[in-house]
Amino acid sequence: MTRDDTNEDRLIALETRMAHFERMAEDLSDMVVEQARSIDVLTAQIHRLRDRLAEAAVAERSPHDDQPPPHY
């Protein structure tokens, strides 16, 4: 085996590893995009639930809720 063969083998090994790393980076990028979409959906759901709870709390209030307790 000559020195050129050794260098060529090393170059092929490095190129192979680089290809695997590039694929891994693409997979991670896809995963991050998917998680960002999920977070957006969940955030919208939380906002809708918060609004519904606020509306329910206002609807359940009566004029007596604003009066001080009898011991005052």
N, C-alpha and C. Protein backbone atom coordinates (compact mmCIF):
# COMPACT_ATOMS: atom_id res chain seq x y z
N MET A 1 0.85 -1.17 0.00
CA MET A 1 0.00 0.00 0.00
C MET A 1 0.90 1.24 0.00
N THR A 2 0.61 2.12 -0.91
CA THR A 2 1.43 3.33 -1.02
C THR A 2 0.83 4.43 -0.17
N ARG A 3 1.62 5.46 -0.06
CA ARG A 3 1.17 6.63 0.71
C ARG A 3 -0.07 7.24 0.08
N ASP A 4 -0.16 7.26 -1.25
CA ASP A 4 -1.34 7.81 -1.93
C ASP A 4 -2.59 7.00 -1.62
N ASP A 5 -2.44 5.69 -1.54
CA ASP A 5 -3.59 4.84 -1.19
C ASP A 5 -4.09 5.15 0.21
N THR A 6 -3.15 5.33 1.13
CA THR A 6 -3.51 5.65 2.51
C THR A 6 -4.22 6.99 2.58
N ASN A 7 -3.71 7.98 1.86
CA ASN A 7 -4.35 9.30 1.85
C ASN A 7 -5.72 9.23 1.21
N GLU A 8 -5.83 8.44 0.14
CA GLU A 8 -7.13 8.31 -0.53
C GLU A 8 -8.13 7.62 0.39
N ASP A 9 -7.71 6.60 1.10
CA ASP A 9 -8.59 5.91 2.05
C ASP A 9 -9.04 6.86 3.16
N ARG A 10 -8.11 7.65 3.64
CA ARG A 10 -8.45 8.62 4.68
C ARG A 10 -9.43 9.66 4.16
N LEU A 11 -9.22 10.11 2.92
CA LEU A 11 -10.11 11.09 2.31
C LEU A 11 -11.51 10.51 2.13
N ILE A 12 -11.59 9.27 1.69
CA ILE A 12 -12.90 8.61 1.52
C ILE A 12 -13.59 8.48 2.87
N ALA A 13 -12.85 8.10 3.89
CA ALA A 13 -13.42 7.97 5.23
C ALA A 13 -13.94 9.31 5.73
N LEU A 14 -13.18 10.37 5.50
CA LEU A 14 -13.61 11.71 5.93
C LEU A 14 -14.85 12.17 5.16
N GLU A 15 -14.88 11.90 3.87
CA GLU A 15 -16.04 12.28 3.06
C GLU A 15 -17.28 11.52 3.50
N THR A 16 -17.10 10.25 3.85
CA THR A 16 -18.22 9.44 4.34
C THR A 16 -18.75 9.99 5.65
N ARG A 17 -17.84 10.29 6.57
CA ARG A 17 -18.27 10.87 7.85
C ARG A 17 -18.95 12.21 7.65
N MET A 18 -18.43 13.03 6.74
CA MET A 18 -19.03 14.32 6.45
C MET A 18 -20.45 14.16 5.91
N ALA A 19 -20.65 13.18 5.05
CA ALA A 19 -21.99 12.93 4.51
C ALA A 19 -22.96 12.55 5.63
N HIS A 20 -22.48 11.72 6.56
CA HIS A 20 -23.33 11.34 7.70
C HIS A 20 -23.67 12.55 8.57
N PHE A 21 -22.69 13.40 8.81
CA PHE A 21 -22.94 14.60 9.61
C PHE A 21 -23.90 15.56 8.91
N GLU A 22 -23.78 15.69 7.60
CA GLU A 22 -24.70 16.54 6.86
C GLU A 22 -26.13 16.02 6.97
N ARG A 23 -26.30 14.72 6.85
CA ARG A 23 -27.62 14.11 6.95
C ARG A 23 -28.18 14.30 8.36
N MET A 24 -27.33 14.14 9.36
CA MET A 24 -27.76 14.33 10.74
C MET A 24 -28.20 15.78 10.97
N ALA A 25 -27.47 16.74 10.41
CA ALA A 25 -27.83 18.15 10.54
C ALA A 25 -29.18 18.43 9.87
N GLU A 26 -29.43 17.83 8.72
CA GLU A 26 -30.72 18.00 8.05
C GLU A 26 -31.85 17.41 8.88
N ASP A 27 -31.62 16.23 9.44
CA ASP A 27 -32.64 15.59 10.28
C ASP A 27 -32.95 16.45 11.51
N LEU A 28 -31.91 16.97 12.14
CA LEU A 28 -32.11 17.83 13.31
C LEU A 28 -32.85 19.11 12.93
N SER A 29 -32.52 19.67 11.78
CA SER A 29 -33.21 20.87 11.32
C SER A 29 -34.70 20.59 11.10
N ASP A 30 -35.01 19.46 10.48
CA ASP A 30 -36.41 19.08 10.28
C ASP A 30 -37.13 18.91 11.61
N MET A 31 -36.43 18.33 12.57
CA MET A 31 -37.02 18.12 13.89
C MET A 31 -37.31 19.45 14.58
N VAL A 32 -36.40 20.39 14.46
CA VAL A 32 -36.58 21.70 15.08
C VAL A 32 -37.77 22.43 14.45
N VAL A 33 -37.92 22.33 13.14
CA VAL A 33 -39.05 22.96 12.46
C VAL A 33 -40.36 22.34 12.94
N GLU A 34 -40.39 21.02 13.05
CA GLU A 34 -41.60 20.33 13.52
C GLU A 34 -41.94 20.73 14.95
N GLN A 35 -40.93 20.82 15.80
CA GLN A 35 -41.17 21.21 17.19
C GLN A 35 -41.65 22.66 17.27
N ALA A 36 -41.12 23.53 16.44
CA ALA A 36 -41.56 24.92 16.43
C ALA A 36 -43.03 25.01 16.04
N ARG A 37 -43.45 24.22 15.08
CA ARG A 37 -44.86 24.20 14.69
C ARG A 37 -45.72 23.71 15.85
N SER A 38 -45.27 22.66 16.52
CA SER A 38 -46.02 22.14 17.67
C SER A 38 -46.13 23.19 18.77
N ILE A 39 -45.06 23.88 19.02
CA ILE A 39 -45.06 24.93 20.05
C ILE A 39 -46.03 26.03 19.67
N ASP A 40 -46.07 26.41 18.39
CA ASP A 40 -47.00 27.44 17.94
C ASP A 40 -48.45 27.01 18.16
N VAL A 41 -48.76 25.75 17.83
CA VAL A 41 -50.12 25.23 18.02
C VAL A 41 -50.48 25.22 19.50
N LEU A 42 -49.58 24.74 20.33
CA LEU A 42 -49.83 24.68 21.77
C LEU A 42 -49.99 26.08 22.37
N THR A 43 -49.19 27.01 21.92
CA THR A 43 -49.29 28.39 22.41
C THR A 43 -50.64 28.99 22.05
N ALA A 44 -51.11 28.74 20.82
CA ALA A 44 -52.43 29.24 20.41
C ALA A 44 -53.53 28.61 21.26
N GLN A 45 -53.41 27.32 21.56
CA GLN A 45 -54.40 26.66 22.40
C GLN A 45 -54.42 27.25 23.80
N ILE A 46 -53.26 27.53 24.35
CA ILE A 46 -53.18 28.13 25.69
C ILE A 46 -53.85 29.50 25.69
N HIS A 47 -53.60 30.30 24.65
CA HIS A 47 -54.22 31.63 24.59
C HIS A 47 -55.75 31.51 24.52
N ARG A 48 -56.25 30.56 23.72
CA ARG A 48 -57.70 30.37 23.62
C ARG A 48 -58.28 29.93 24.96
N LEU A 49 -57.61 29.00 25.64
CA LEU A 49 -58.09 28.55 26.95
C LEU A 49 -58.07 29.67 27.98
N ARG A 50 -57.02 30.47 27.95
CA ARG A 50 -56.93 31.60 28.88
C ARG A 50 -58.08 32.57 28.65
N ASP A 51 -58.38 32.84 27.37
CA ASP A 51 -59.49 33.74 27.04
C ASP A 51 -60.82 33.16 27.51
N ARG A 52 -61.02 31.86 27.30
CA ARG A 52 -62.26 31.22 27.73
C ARG A 52 -62.41 31.26 29.25
N LEU A 53 -61.31 31.02 29.96
CA LEU A 53 -61.36 31.09 31.42
C LEU A 53 -61.68 32.50 31.90
N ALA A 54 -61.10 33.50 31.26
CA ALA A 54 -61.37 34.89 31.64
C ALA A 54 -62.83 35.23 31.38
N GLU A 55 -63.35 34.78 30.24
CA GLU A 55 -64.77 35.04 29.93
C GLU A 55 -65.67 34.33 30.94
N ALA A 56 -65.34 33.12 31.30
CA ALA A 56 -66.15 32.37 32.26
C ALA A 56 -66.11 33.03 33.64
N ALA A 57 -64.97 33.53 34.02
CA ALA A 57 -64.84 34.20 35.32
C ALA A 57 -65.67 35.47 35.35
N VAL A 58 -65.70 36.22 34.27
CA VAL A 58 -66.49 37.46 34.21
C VAL A 58 -67.97 37.11 34.21
N ALA A 59 -68.36 36.07 33.49
CA ALA A 59 -69.76 35.70 33.40
C ALA A 59 -70.29 35.18 34.73
N GLU A 60 -69.47 34.60 35.56
CA GLU A 60 -69.90 34.04 36.83
C GLU A 60 -69.96 35.08 37.95
N ARG A 61 -69.44 36.26 37.73
CA ARG A 61 -69.43 37.28 38.78
C ARG A 61 -70.83 37.86 38.96
N SER A 62 -71.14 38.20 40.15
CA SER A 62 -72.41 38.86 40.45
C SER A 62 -72.12 40.18 41.16
N PRO A 63 -73.12 41.03 41.26
CA PRO A 63 -72.89 42.32 41.97
C PRO A 63 -72.45 42.13 43.42
N HIS A 64 -72.84 41.03 44.01
CA HIS A 64 -72.45 40.77 45.40
C HIS A 64 -70.96 40.49 45.53
N ASP A 65 -70.32 40.08 44.44
CA ASP A 65 -68.89 39.80 44.50
C ASP A 65 -68.07 41.06 44.76
N ASP A 66 -68.60 42.22 44.40
CA ASP A 66 -67.86 43.47 44.55
C ASP A 66 -68.11 44.11 45.93
N GLN A 67 -69.02 43.60 46.70
CA GLN A 67 -69.31 44.16 48.02
C GLN A 67 -68.32 43.62 49.04
N PRO A 68 -67.98 44.43 50.02
CA PRO A 68 -67.08 43.95 51.07
C PRO A 68 -67.79 42.89 51.93
N PRO A 69 -67.05 42.07 52.57
CA PRO A 69 -67.66 41.05 53.45
C PRO A 69 -68.42 41.70 54.60
N PRO A 70 -69.36 41.01 55.19
CA PRO A 70 -70.21 41.62 56.23
C PRO A 70 -69.47 42.06 57.48
N HIS A 71 -68.31 41.54 57.75
CA HIS A 71 -67.62 41.92 58.99
C HIS A 71 -66.91 43.26 58.88
N TYR A 72 -67.02 43.96 57.75
CA TYR A 72 -66.38 45.28 57.65
C TYR A 72 -67.31 46.36 58.06
